[in-house]
Amino acid sequence: MSLKLVVGNKNYSSWSMRPWVALKGAGIPFEEVFIPLYTDAADKQRILDVTPSGKVPALVDGDITVWDSLAIIEYAAERFPDAKLWPQEAAHRAHARAVSAEMHSGFMPLRNECGMNLHRPVKAKALSDDAKANIARIDAIWSDCRKRYGAAGPYLFGAFSAADAMFAPVVHRFRIYAIEVSPVARAYMDTMQANPAFRQWTEEGLAETLLIPRFEEE
């Protein structure tokens, strides 16, 4: 039985983007199930019918349901070890998990002030000192990873990994809000934007016509 990945609007749902890009980028086959967000009670119930969290994304594998982006990625990494979603060396894998968990639990000022909206015209906006500190920290993570593992490939840990999927929406945020980053971070953003999975998600998100008013306000 194939995996089913339940996702929200590609234009807005950064959390859905992470496991989608991870699975697609690693060549793990899955069926995509789209449920639009913030529409009506029926769609909300459709999500609740899949997961008690009432949120997307959610992964269904037969009788097993996994929700939360990072949990889905971890499950997929165990289920498909040959996909090598995490680096093979223990020390590198620990590092990748640490920066992925930091992304998963942190950077709230940046998230709050620079919402995911692929349709937004590219332009800068005034940001708080806390958001600027988030940007500096992410730039430092990317730069450090590229310095350590750059000889092995163009991604954070050389080859494409779960860590790249976890930071994928940040690449869009930096692009959409015209955020200045270091040359190393900019080169990494270029790598991600050329990634086929990243590009497919982006193209399909830009093709969406459903707008969510609360995400269009700044």
N, C-alpha and C. Protein backbone atom coordinates (compact mmCIF):
# COMPACT_ATOMS: atom_id res chain seq x y z
N MET A 1 0.85 -1.20 0.00
CA MET A 1 0.00 0.00 0.00
C MET A 1 0.88 1.25 0.00
N SER A 2 0.57 2.19 -0.88
CA SER A 2 1.39 3.39 -0.97
C SER A 2 1.07 4.37 0.15
N LEU A 3 2.01 5.22 0.42
CA LEU A 3 1.81 6.26 1.42
C LEU A 3 0.84 7.30 0.89
N LYS A 4 0.11 7.91 1.82
CA LYS A 4 -0.74 9.05 1.49
C LYS A 4 -0.27 10.21 2.35
N LEU A 5 0.02 11.34 1.71
CA LEU A 5 0.44 12.54 2.43
C LEU A 5 -0.65 13.60 2.27
N VAL A 6 -1.26 13.96 3.38
CA VAL A 6 -2.31 14.97 3.38
C VAL A 6 -1.67 16.33 3.58
N VAL A 7 -1.91 17.24 2.66
CA VAL A 7 -1.29 18.56 2.71
C VAL A 7 -2.34 19.65 2.55
N GLY A 8 -1.96 20.86 2.94
CA GLY A 8 -2.80 22.03 2.74
C GLY A 8 -2.37 22.80 1.51
N ASN A 9 -2.80 24.02 1.42
CA ASN A 9 -2.51 24.88 0.27
C ASN A 9 -1.01 25.05 0.09
N LYS A 10 -0.52 24.76 -1.10
CA LYS A 10 0.92 24.90 -1.37
C LYS A 10 1.37 26.35 -1.31
N ASN A 11 0.46 27.27 -1.58
CA ASN A 11 0.81 28.68 -1.51
C ASN A 11 1.17 29.13 -0.10
N TYR A 12 0.54 28.52 0.90
CA TYR A 12 0.67 29.00 2.27
C TYR A 12 1.28 28.00 3.25
N SER A 13 1.07 26.72 3.04
CA SER A 13 1.34 25.74 4.09
C SER A 13 2.82 25.34 4.14
N SER A 14 3.59 26.08 4.90
CA SER A 14 5.02 25.79 5.04
C SER A 14 5.25 24.44 5.70
N TRP A 15 4.39 24.08 6.65
CA TRP A 15 4.57 22.80 7.34
C TRP A 15 4.29 21.64 6.40
N SER A 16 3.32 21.80 5.50
CA SER A 16 3.06 20.75 4.50
C SER A 16 4.23 20.62 3.53
N MET A 17 4.85 21.75 3.22
CA MET A 17 5.95 21.74 2.25
C MET A 17 7.10 20.87 2.71
N ARG A 18 7.39 20.88 4.00
CA ARG A 18 8.58 20.18 4.50
C ARG A 18 8.57 18.67 4.21
N PRO A 19 7.57 17.91 4.66
CA PRO A 19 7.60 16.48 4.35
C PRO A 19 7.36 16.19 2.87
N TRP A 20 6.59 17.03 2.21
CA TRP A 20 6.35 16.83 0.77
C TRP A 20 7.67 16.90 0.02
N VAL A 21 8.47 17.93 0.28
CA VAL A 21 9.76 18.08 -0.39
C VAL A 21 10.72 16.97 0.04
N ALA A 22 10.65 16.56 1.31
CA ALA A 22 11.51 15.47 1.78
C ALA A 22 11.23 14.18 1.03
N LEU A 23 9.95 13.80 0.95
CA LEU A 23 9.58 12.56 0.28
C LEU A 23 9.87 12.63 -1.22
N LYS A 24 9.47 13.73 -1.83
CA LYS A 24 9.66 13.88 -3.27
C LYS A 24 11.15 13.95 -3.60
N GLY A 25 11.89 14.71 -2.82
CA GLY A 25 13.32 14.87 -3.08
C GLY A 25 14.09 13.59 -2.88
N ALA A 26 13.61 12.72 -2.00
CA ALA A 26 14.29 11.45 -1.73
C ALA A 26 13.79 10.33 -2.62
N GLY A 27 12.82 10.62 -3.48
CA GLY A 27 12.31 9.60 -4.39
C GLY A 27 11.41 8.58 -3.74
N ILE A 28 10.76 8.96 -2.64
CA ILE A 28 9.83 8.06 -1.94
C ILE A 28 8.44 8.27 -2.54
N PRO A 29 7.82 7.25 -3.11
CA PRO A 29 6.51 7.43 -3.76
C PRO A 29 5.40 7.65 -2.73
N PHE A 30 4.48 8.52 -3.07
CA PHE A 30 3.32 8.75 -2.20
C PHE A 30 2.18 9.33 -3.01
N GLU A 31 0.99 9.17 -2.47
CA GLU A 31 -0.20 9.79 -3.04
C GLU A 31 -0.49 11.07 -2.28
N GLU A 32 -0.65 12.14 -2.99
CA GLU A 32 -0.94 13.43 -2.35
C GLU A 32 -2.44 13.60 -2.18
N VAL A 33 -2.85 13.98 -0.98
CA VAL A 33 -4.25 14.29 -0.70
C VAL A 33 -4.31 15.75 -0.26
N PHE A 34 -4.98 16.57 -1.04
CA PHE A 34 -5.06 18.00 -0.74
C PHE A 34 -6.37 18.34 -0.05
N ILE A 35 -6.26 19.03 1.07
CA ILE A 35 -7.44 19.55 1.76
C ILE A 35 -7.22 21.04 1.97
N PRO A 36 -8.03 21.90 1.37
CA PRO A 36 -7.83 23.34 1.52
C PRO A 36 -8.03 23.79 2.95
N LEU A 37 -7.23 24.74 3.36
CA LEU A 37 -7.25 25.23 4.74
C LEU A 37 -8.20 26.41 4.90
N TYR A 38 -8.79 26.50 6.08
CA TYR A 38 -9.61 27.65 6.47
C TYR A 38 -10.73 27.94 5.47
N THR A 39 -11.40 26.89 5.03
CA THR A 39 -12.51 27.08 4.08
C THR A 39 -13.85 26.90 4.79
N ASP A 40 -14.17 25.67 5.19
CA ASP A 40 -15.45 25.45 5.85
C ASP A 40 -15.34 24.28 6.81
N ALA A 41 -16.41 24.03 7.52
CA ALA A 41 -16.41 22.97 8.53
C ALA A 41 -16.19 21.59 7.91
N ALA A 42 -16.65 21.42 6.68
CA ALA A 42 -16.51 20.12 6.03
C ALA A 42 -15.04 19.76 5.80
N ASP A 43 -14.27 20.74 5.34
CA ASP A 43 -12.84 20.48 5.12
C ASP A 43 -12.12 20.30 6.44
N LYS A 44 -12.53 21.04 7.46
CA LYS A 44 -11.94 20.85 8.77
C LYS A 44 -12.21 19.43 9.27
N GLN A 45 -13.40 18.95 9.04
CA GLN A 45 -13.74 17.59 9.45
C GLN A 45 -12.95 16.56 8.66
N ARG A 46 -12.69 16.84 7.39
CA ARG A 46 -11.88 15.92 6.58
C ARG A 46 -10.49 15.75 7.19
N ILE A 47 -9.93 16.84 7.71
CA ILE A 47 -8.62 16.75 8.35
C ILE A 47 -8.73 15.95 9.65
N LEU A 48 -9.78 16.25 10.44
CA LEU A 48 -9.98 15.53 11.70
C LEU A 48 -10.22 14.04 11.47
N ASP A 49 -10.79 13.70 10.34
CA ASP A 49 -11.00 12.30 10.02
C ASP A 49 -9.68 11.56 9.78
N VAL A 50 -8.64 12.32 9.43
CA VAL A 50 -7.33 11.73 9.19
C VAL A 50 -6.48 11.73 10.46
N THR A 51 -6.47 12.87 11.16
CA THR A 51 -5.61 13.02 12.33
C THR A 51 -6.31 13.79 13.44
N PRO A 52 -6.18 13.35 14.69
CA PRO A 52 -6.83 14.05 15.79
C PRO A 52 -6.24 15.43 16.06
N SER A 53 -5.08 15.72 15.50
CA SER A 53 -4.49 17.04 15.69
C SER A 53 -5.31 18.12 14.99
N GLY A 54 -6.05 17.72 13.97
CA GLY A 54 -6.83 18.68 13.20
C GLY A 54 -5.98 19.59 12.34
N LYS A 55 -4.74 19.16 12.08
CA LYS A 55 -3.82 19.99 11.30
C LYS A 55 -3.15 19.13 10.23
N VAL A 56 -2.71 19.80 9.17
CA VAL A 56 -1.87 19.15 8.16
C VAL A 56 -0.44 19.64 8.35
N PRO A 57 0.51 18.82 7.91
CA PRO A 57 0.39 17.60 7.14
C PRO A 57 0.13 16.38 8.02
N ALA A 58 -0.27 15.31 7.36
CA ALA A 58 -0.41 14.02 8.02
C ALA A 58 -0.05 12.94 7.00
N LEU A 59 0.62 11.92 7.47
CA LEU A 59 1.02 10.81 6.61
C LEU A 59 0.23 9.57 7.01
N VAL A 60 -0.35 8.91 6.03
CA VAL A 60 -1.10 7.67 6.27
C VAL A 60 -0.38 6.54 5.56
N ASP A 61 -0.02 5.51 6.34
CA ASP A 61 0.66 4.34 5.81
C ASP A 61 -0.11 3.12 6.30
N GLY A 62 -1.14 2.73 5.56
CA GLY A 62 -1.99 1.64 6.00
C GLY A 62 -2.74 2.02 7.27
N ASP A 63 -2.53 1.27 8.33
CA ASP A 63 -3.19 1.55 9.61
C ASP A 63 -2.43 2.57 10.46
N ILE A 64 -1.31 3.03 9.96
CA ILE A 64 -0.47 3.97 10.71
C ILE A 64 -0.70 5.38 10.20
N THR A 65 -0.94 6.30 11.12
CA THR A 65 -1.05 7.71 10.79
C THR A 65 -0.02 8.49 11.61
N VAL A 66 0.73 9.33 10.92
CA VAL A 66 1.76 10.15 11.57
C VAL A 66 1.48 11.61 11.22
N TRP A 67 1.45 12.46 12.23
CA TRP A 67 1.27 13.88 11.95
C TRP A 67 2.47 14.65 12.52
N ASP A 68 2.57 15.91 12.14
CA ASP A 68 3.70 16.78 12.45
C ASP A 68 4.82 16.54 11.43
N SER A 69 5.31 17.63 10.85
CA SER A 69 6.27 17.53 9.75
C SER A 69 7.50 16.72 10.08
N LEU A 70 8.13 17.03 11.21
CA LEU A 70 9.37 16.35 11.54
C LEU A 70 9.12 14.88 11.88
N ALA A 71 8.01 14.58 12.54
CA ALA A 71 7.67 13.19 12.84
C ALA A 71 7.45 12.39 11.56
N ILE A 72 6.82 13.01 10.58
CA ILE A 72 6.60 12.35 9.29
C ILE A 72 7.93 12.04 8.62
N ILE A 73 8.84 13.00 8.65
CA ILE A 73 10.15 12.80 8.03
C ILE A 73 10.91 11.69 8.74
N GLU A 74 10.86 11.69 10.07
CA GLU A 74 11.55 10.63 10.83
C GLU A 74 10.95 9.26 10.50
N TYR A 75 9.64 9.20 10.40
CA TYR A 75 8.99 7.92 10.07
C TYR A 75 9.43 7.45 8.68
N ALA A 76 9.43 8.37 7.72
CA ALA A 76 9.83 8.02 6.36
C ALA A 76 11.28 7.56 6.31
N ALA A 77 12.14 8.20 7.11
CA ALA A 77 13.55 7.81 7.13
C ALA A 77 13.72 6.39 7.64
N GLU A 78 12.91 6.00 8.63
CA GLU A 78 12.97 4.63 9.14
C GLU A 78 12.33 3.64 8.17
N ARG A 79 11.24 4.06 7.57
CA ARG A 79 10.49 3.18 6.67
C ARG A 79 11.25 2.92 5.37
N PHE A 80 12.01 3.92 4.92
CA PHE A 80 12.76 3.82 3.66
C PHE A 80 14.22 4.18 3.89
N PRO A 81 14.97 3.33 4.57
CA PRO A 81 16.36 3.67 4.88
C PRO A 81 17.23 3.89 3.65
N ASP A 82 16.90 3.22 2.55
CA ASP A 82 17.71 3.39 1.34
C ASP A 82 17.58 4.79 0.73
N ALA A 83 16.53 5.52 1.13
CA ALA A 83 16.35 6.89 0.62
C ALA A 83 17.36 7.85 1.23
N LYS A 84 17.95 7.46 2.35
CA LYS A 84 19.00 8.24 3.01
C LYS A 84 18.55 9.68 3.28
N LEU A 85 17.42 9.80 3.96
CA LEU A 85 16.92 11.12 4.32
C LEU A 85 17.81 11.83 5.33
N TRP A 86 18.53 11.06 6.12
CA TRP A 86 19.50 11.64 7.05
C TRP A 86 20.91 11.24 6.61
N PRO A 87 21.92 12.06 6.93
CA PRO A 87 23.30 11.68 6.59
C PRO A 87 23.67 10.33 7.18
N GLN A 88 24.56 9.63 6.52
CA GLN A 88 24.93 8.27 6.94
C GLN A 88 25.87 8.24 8.12
N GLU A 89 26.77 9.20 8.23
CA GLU A 89 27.70 9.23 9.35
C GLU A 89 27.00 9.74 10.60
N ALA A 90 27.24 9.08 11.73
CA ALA A 90 26.52 9.38 12.97
C ALA A 90 26.67 10.84 13.39
N ALA A 91 27.87 11.37 13.33
CA ALA A 91 28.09 12.75 13.75
C ALA A 91 27.36 13.73 12.84
N HIS A 92 27.39 13.46 11.55
CA HIS A 92 26.70 14.32 10.60
C HIS A 92 25.19 14.22 10.80
N ARG A 93 24.73 13.00 11.06
CA ARG A 93 23.30 12.78 11.28
C ARG A 93 22.82 13.52 12.53
N ALA A 94 23.62 13.48 13.58
CA ALA A 94 23.26 14.19 14.81
C ALA A 94 23.18 15.68 14.56
N HIS A 95 24.12 16.20 13.80
CA HIS A 95 24.13 17.63 13.46
C HIS A 95 22.89 17.99 12.64
N ALA A 96 22.58 17.16 11.66
CA ALA A 96 21.41 17.42 10.81
C ALA A 96 20.13 17.40 11.63
N ARG A 97 20.03 16.47 12.56
CA ARG A 97 18.83 16.41 13.40
C ARG A 97 18.75 17.63 14.31
N ALA A 98 19.89 18.09 14.80
CA ALA A 98 19.89 19.24 15.71
C ALA A 98 19.40 20.51 15.00
N VAL A 99 19.93 20.77 13.81
CA VAL A 99 19.51 22.00 13.12
C VAL A 99 18.07 21.87 12.63
N SER A 100 17.63 20.65 12.29
CA SER A 100 16.25 20.45 11.87
C SER A 100 15.29 20.66 13.03
N ALA A 101 15.66 20.17 14.21
CA ALA A 101 14.84 20.38 15.39
C ALA A 101 14.80 21.85 15.79
N GLU A 102 15.92 22.55 15.62
CA GLU A 102 15.95 23.98 15.92
C GLU A 102 14.99 24.72 14.99
N MET A 103 14.97 24.33 13.73
CA MET A 103 14.04 24.94 12.78
C MET A 103 12.60 24.60 13.17
N HIS A 104 12.39 23.39 13.59
CA HIS A 104 11.05 22.92 13.93
C HIS A 104 10.45 23.68 15.11
N SER A 105 11.27 24.01 16.08
CA SER A 105 10.75 24.58 17.33
C SER A 105 11.01 26.07 17.50
N GLY A 106 11.81 26.65 16.63
CA GLY A 106 12.23 28.03 16.86
C GLY A 106 11.86 29.02 15.77
N PHE A 107 12.48 30.18 15.84
CA PHE A 107 12.36 31.23 14.82
C PHE A 107 10.94 31.79 14.69
N MET A 108 10.25 31.90 15.82
CA MET A 108 8.87 32.38 15.78
C MET A 108 8.74 33.82 15.29
N PRO A 109 9.63 34.75 15.69
CA PRO A 109 9.48 36.11 15.16
C PRO A 109 9.53 36.16 13.63
N LEU A 110 10.46 35.41 13.04
CA LEU A 110 10.55 35.39 11.58
C LEU A 110 9.28 34.81 10.97
N ARG A 111 8.78 33.73 11.55
CA ARG A 111 7.56 33.12 11.03
C ARG A 111 6.38 34.07 11.13
N ASN A 112 6.27 34.73 12.25
CA ASN A 112 5.12 35.63 12.46
C ASN A 112 5.16 36.85 11.56
N GLU A 113 6.36 37.35 11.31
CA GLU A 113 6.49 38.60 10.54
C GLU A 113 6.64 38.38 9.04
N CYS A 114 7.07 37.18 8.65
CA CYS A 114 7.27 36.87 7.23
C CYS A 114 6.52 35.59 6.89
N GLY A 115 5.21 35.71 6.79
CA GLY A 115 4.39 34.53 6.54
C GLY A 115 4.65 33.94 5.16
N MET A 116 4.39 32.66 5.04
CA MET A 116 4.54 31.95 3.77
C MET A 116 3.39 32.36 2.84
N ASN A 117 3.74 32.95 1.72
CA ASN A 117 2.74 33.34 0.72
C ASN A 117 3.47 33.49 -0.60
N LEU A 118 3.43 32.44 -1.41
CA LEU A 118 4.19 32.43 -2.66
C LEU A 118 3.72 33.50 -3.63
N HIS A 119 2.45 33.92 -3.51
CA HIS A 119 1.91 34.92 -4.43
C HIS A 119 2.35 36.34 -4.09
N ARG A 120 2.88 36.54 -2.91
CA ARG A 120 3.23 37.89 -2.48
C ARG A 120 4.31 38.48 -3.40
N PRO A 121 4.12 39.74 -3.84
CA PRO A 121 5.17 40.39 -4.63
C PRO A 121 6.46 40.45 -3.81
N VAL A 122 7.58 40.22 -4.47
CA VAL A 122 8.86 40.24 -3.77
C VAL A 122 9.21 41.67 -3.38
N LYS A 123 9.25 41.90 -2.08
CA LYS A 123 9.62 43.21 -1.58
C LYS A 123 9.96 43.09 -0.10
N ALA A 124 10.82 44.00 0.36
CA ALA A 124 11.25 43.98 1.75
C ALA A 124 10.18 44.61 2.64
N LYS A 125 10.27 44.34 3.93
CA LYS A 125 9.41 44.97 4.92
C LYS A 125 10.22 45.20 6.18
N ALA A 126 9.76 46.11 7.00
CA ALA A 126 10.45 46.38 8.26
C ALA A 126 10.29 45.18 9.19
N LEU A 127 11.38 44.74 9.78
CA LEU A 127 11.37 43.59 10.67
C LEU A 127 11.87 43.96 12.05
N SER A 128 11.40 43.24 13.05
CA SER A 128 11.84 43.47 14.41
C SER A 128 13.27 42.98 14.61
N ASP A 129 13.89 43.42 15.70
CA ASP A 129 15.24 42.96 16.02
C ASP A 129 15.25 41.45 16.24
N ASP A 130 14.17 40.92 16.82
CA ASP A 130 14.10 39.47 17.04
C ASP A 130 14.08 38.71 15.72
N ALA A 131 13.33 39.20 14.76
CA ALA A 131 13.28 38.55 13.45
C ALA A 131 14.64 38.64 12.76
N LYS A 132 15.30 39.78 12.89
CA LYS A 132 16.63 39.93 12.30
C LYS A 132 17.63 38.97 12.95
N ALA A 133 17.47 38.75 14.25
CA ALA A 133 18.33 37.78 14.94
C ALA A 133 18.07 36.37 14.42
N ASN A 134 16.81 36.06 14.14
CA ASN A 134 16.47 34.76 13.54
C ASN A 134 17.16 34.58 12.19
N ILE A 135 17.11 35.62 11.39
CA ILE A 135 17.74 35.57 10.06
C ILE A 135 19.24 35.33 10.18
N ALA A 136 19.87 36.05 11.10
CA ALA A 136 21.31 35.88 11.30
C ALA A 136 21.65 34.47 11.74
N ARG A 137 20.82 33.91 12.61
CA ARG A 137 21.07 32.55 13.09
C ARG A 137 20.92 31.53 11.96
N ILE A 138 19.89 31.68 11.14
CA ILE A 138 19.69 30.75 10.03
C ILE A 138 20.84 30.87 9.03
N ASP A 139 21.26 32.09 8.75
CA ASP A 139 22.40 32.30 7.86
C ASP A 139 23.64 31.60 8.43
N ALA A 140 23.83 31.70 9.74
CA ALA A 140 24.98 31.06 10.38
C ALA A 140 24.90 29.53 10.27
N ILE A 141 23.69 28.97 10.46
CA ILE A 141 23.51 27.52 10.32
C ILE A 141 23.87 27.08 8.92
N TRP A 142 23.30 27.74 7.94
CA TRP A 142 23.57 27.37 6.55
C TRP A 142 25.05 27.50 6.21
N SER A 143 25.64 28.61 6.62
CA SER A 143 27.05 28.85 6.31
C SER A 143 27.96 27.81 6.97
N ASP A 144 27.65 27.48 8.21
CA ASP A 144 28.45 26.48 8.92
C ASP A 144 28.33 25.11 8.26
N CYS A 145 27.12 24.74 7.89
CA CYS A 145 26.93 23.45 7.23
C CYS A 145 27.66 23.40 5.89
N ARG A 146 27.58 24.46 5.14
CA ARG A 146 28.24 24.48 3.83
C ARG A 146 29.76 24.42 4.00
N LYS A 147 30.28 25.08 5.03
CA LYS A 147 31.72 25.04 5.29
C LYS A 147 32.16 23.63 5.66
N ARG A 148 31.36 22.96 6.49
CA ARG A 148 31.73 21.62 6.96
C ARG A 148 31.56 20.55 5.90
N TYR A 149 30.47 20.63 5.13
CA TYR A 149 30.09 19.51 4.28
C TYR A 149 30.06 19.85 2.79
N GLY A 150 30.48 21.05 2.44
CA GLY A 150 30.37 21.50 1.06
C GLY A 150 31.12 20.65 0.05
N ALA A 151 32.19 20.02 0.49
CA ALA A 151 32.96 19.20 -0.44
C ALA A 151 32.17 17.98 -0.92
N ALA A 152 31.14 17.60 -0.17
CA ALA A 152 30.36 16.40 -0.50
C ALA A 152 29.16 16.70 -1.39
N GLY A 153 28.87 17.96 -1.66
CA GLY A 153 27.72 18.30 -2.49
C GLY A 153 27.18 19.67 -2.16
N PRO A 154 26.15 20.14 -2.89
CA PRO A 154 25.68 21.52 -2.77
C PRO A 154 24.65 21.79 -1.68
N TYR A 155 24.21 20.73 -0.98
CA TYR A 155 23.17 20.91 0.04
C TYR A 155 23.80 21.09 1.41
N LEU A 156 22.98 21.25 2.43
CA LEU A 156 23.50 21.54 3.77
C LEU A 156 24.48 20.48 4.26
N PHE A 157 24.18 19.22 3.97
CA PHE A 157 25.05 18.13 4.40
C PHE A 157 25.63 17.38 3.21
N GLY A 158 25.86 18.11 2.15
CA GLY A 158 26.41 17.54 0.93
C GLY A 158 25.30 17.08 0.01
N ALA A 159 24.79 15.87 0.24
CA ALA A 159 23.65 15.37 -0.52
C ALA A 159 22.35 15.92 0.07
N PHE A 160 21.30 15.93 -0.73
CA PHE A 160 19.99 16.36 -0.25
C PHE A 160 19.58 15.51 0.95
N SER A 161 19.02 16.17 1.97
CA SER A 161 18.61 15.46 3.18
C SER A 161 17.36 16.08 3.79
N ALA A 162 16.92 15.48 4.88
CA ALA A 162 15.76 16.01 5.61
C ALA A 162 16.00 17.43 6.08
N ALA A 163 17.24 17.77 6.39
CA ALA A 163 17.54 19.12 6.86
C ALA A 163 17.19 20.15 5.80
N ASP A 164 17.47 19.85 4.55
CA ASP A 164 17.12 20.77 3.46
C ASP A 164 15.61 20.93 3.37
N ALA A 165 14.89 19.85 3.53
CA ALA A 165 13.43 19.92 3.49
C ALA A 165 12.89 20.77 4.64
N MET A 166 13.49 20.65 5.81
CA MET A 166 13.04 21.42 6.96
C MET A 166 13.24 22.92 6.76
N PHE A 167 14.29 23.29 6.04
CA PHE A 167 14.56 24.72 5.81
C PHE A 167 13.97 25.23 4.49
N ALA A 168 13.33 24.36 3.72
CA ALA A 168 12.82 24.77 2.40
C ALA A 168 11.90 25.99 2.45
N PRO A 169 10.93 26.05 3.37
CA PRO A 169 10.06 27.23 3.40
C PRO A 169 10.82 28.52 3.75
N VAL A 170 11.90 28.39 4.48
CA VAL A 170 12.70 29.58 4.83
C VAL A 170 13.33 30.18 3.58
N VAL A 171 13.71 29.32 2.65
CA VAL A 171 14.25 29.81 1.38
C VAL A 171 13.22 30.71 0.71
N HIS A 172 11.97 30.28 0.73
CA HIS A 172 10.91 31.11 0.15
C HIS A 172 10.73 32.41 0.95
N ARG A 173 10.75 32.31 2.25
CA ARG A 173 10.57 33.52 3.06
C ARG A 173 11.67 34.54 2.76
N PHE A 174 12.90 34.07 2.70
CA PHE A 174 14.01 34.98 2.40
C PHE A 174 13.86 35.59 1.00
N ARG A 175 13.37 34.80 0.06
CA ARG A 175 13.19 35.30 -1.30
C ARG A 175 12.03 36.30 -1.35
N ILE A 176 10.89 35.91 -0.80
CA ILE A 176 9.68 36.72 -0.91
C ILE A 176 9.85 38.07 -0.23
N TYR A 177 10.55 38.09 0.89
CA TYR A 177 10.70 39.34 1.65
C TYR A 177 12.04 40.03 1.37
N ALA A 178 12.69 39.62 0.27
CA ALA A 178 13.92 40.26 -0.19
C ALA A 178 14.93 40.44 0.94
N ILE A 179 15.14 39.38 1.69
CA ILE A 179 16.03 39.44 2.86
C ILE A 179 17.47 39.25 2.43
N GLU A 180 18.32 40.12 2.91
CA GLU A 180 19.74 40.06 2.59
C GLU A 180 20.42 38.96 3.40
N VAL A 181 21.18 38.13 2.72
CA VAL A 181 21.93 37.07 3.39
C VAL A 181 23.35 37.05 2.85
N SER A 182 24.18 36.25 3.47
CA SER A 182 25.57 36.14 3.04
C SER A 182 25.67 35.47 1.68
N PRO A 183 26.80 35.64 0.97
CA PRO A 183 26.96 34.97 -0.32
C PRO A 183 26.83 33.45 -0.23
N VAL A 184 27.32 32.85 0.86
CA VAL A 184 27.21 31.40 1.02
C VAL A 184 25.75 31.00 1.15
N ALA A 185 25.00 31.74 1.96
CA ALA A 185 23.58 31.44 2.12
C ALA A 185 22.82 31.66 0.82
N ARG A 186 23.18 32.69 0.08
CA ARG A 186 22.53 32.96 -1.20
C ARG A 186 22.78 31.83 -2.18
N ALA A 187 23.99 31.29 -2.21
CA ALA A 187 24.30 30.18 -3.09
C ALA A 187 23.49 28.94 -2.71
N TYR A 188 23.31 28.74 -1.40
CA TYR A 188 22.50 27.61 -0.96
C TYR A 188 21.05 27.81 -1.39
N MET A 189 20.53 29.02 -1.27
CA MET A 189 19.17 29.30 -1.72
C MET A 189 19.02 28.98 -3.21
N ASP A 190 20.03 29.33 -4.01
CA ASP A 190 19.99 29.03 -5.44
C ASP A 190 19.93 27.53 -5.67
N THR A 191 20.70 26.78 -4.88
CA THR A 191 20.67 25.32 -4.99
C THR A 191 19.29 24.78 -4.71
N MET A 192 18.67 25.26 -3.64
CA MET A 192 17.35 24.77 -3.27
C MET A 192 16.31 25.15 -4.32
N GLN A 193 16.39 26.36 -4.83
CA GLN A 193 15.40 26.79 -5.82
C GLN A 193 15.52 26.04 -7.14
N ALA A 194 16.67 25.42 -7.37
CA ALA A 194 16.86 24.60 -8.57
C ALA A 194 16.49 23.14 -8.33
N ASN A 195 16.25 22.77 -7.08
CA ASN A 195 15.89 21.40 -6.76
C ASN A 195 14.53 21.05 -7.38
N PRO A 196 14.41 19.92 -8.09
CA PRO A 196 13.16 19.60 -8.78
C PRO A 196 11.94 19.54 -7.86
N ALA A 197 12.10 18.97 -6.67
CA ALA A 197 10.96 18.88 -5.74
C ALA A 197 10.55 20.27 -5.27
N PHE A 198 11.52 21.09 -4.92
CA PHE A 198 11.25 22.46 -4.50
C PHE A 198 10.54 23.22 -5.61
N ARG A 199 11.04 23.06 -6.83
CA ARG A 199 10.45 23.77 -7.97
C ARG A 199 9.02 23.32 -8.24
N GLN A 200 8.78 22.02 -8.14
CA GLN A 200 7.42 21.53 -8.40
C GLN A 200 6.44 22.09 -7.37
N TRP A 201 6.82 22.04 -6.09
CA TRP A 201 5.94 22.60 -5.06
C TRP A 201 5.66 24.07 -5.35
N THR A 202 6.70 24.81 -5.70
CA THR A 202 6.56 26.24 -5.96
C THR A 202 5.63 26.51 -7.14
N GLU A 203 5.84 25.80 -8.23
CA GLU A 203 5.02 25.99 -9.41
C GLU A 203 3.55 25.67 -9.13
N GLU A 204 3.32 24.60 -8.38
CA GLU A 204 1.94 24.23 -8.07
C GLU A 204 1.31 25.21 -7.08
N GLY A 205 2.12 25.75 -6.18
CA GLY A 205 1.62 26.76 -5.26
C GLY A 205 1.25 28.04 -5.97
N LEU A 206 2.08 28.45 -6.91
CA LEU A 206 1.79 29.67 -7.68
C LEU A 206 0.57 29.51 -8.57
N ALA A 207 0.26 28.27 -8.93
CA ALA A 207 -0.90 28.02 -9.79
C ALA A 207 -2.21 28.02 -9.01
N GLU A 208 -2.14 27.97 -7.70
CA GLU A 208 -3.36 27.99 -6.89
C GLU A 208 -4.05 29.35 -6.98
N THR A 209 -5.37 29.31 -6.95
CA THR A 209 -6.14 30.56 -7.02
C THR A 209 -6.89 30.85 -5.72
N LEU A 210 -6.97 29.88 -4.81
CA LEU A 210 -7.69 30.08 -3.56
C LEU A 210 -6.87 30.96 -2.62
N LEU A 211 -7.44 32.07 -2.22
CA LEU A 211 -6.77 32.99 -1.31
C LEU A 211 -7.36 32.86 0.09
N ILE A 212 -6.50 32.96 1.09
CA ILE A 212 -6.92 32.96 2.49
C ILE A 212 -6.68 34.37 3.03
N PRO A 213 -7.75 35.14 3.26
CA PRO A 213 -7.60 36.56 3.62
C PRO A 213 -6.64 36.81 4.78
N ARG A 214 -6.68 35.98 5.82
CA ARG A 214 -5.84 36.24 6.99
C ARG A 214 -4.35 36.17 6.64
N PHE A 215 -4.01 35.42 5.59
CA PHE A 215 -2.61 35.30 5.19
C PHE A 215 -2.21 36.33 4.14
N GLU A 216 -3.18 37.11 3.72
CA GLU A 216 -2.89 38.16 2.73
C GLU A 216 -2.67 39.51 3.42
N GLU A 217 -2.91 39.57 4.72
CA GLU A 217 -2.78 40.83 5.45
C GLU A 217 -1.37 40.95 6.05
N GLU A 218 -0.85 42.17 6.04
CA GLU A 218 0.47 42.42 6.65
C GLU A 218 0.34 43.62 7.58
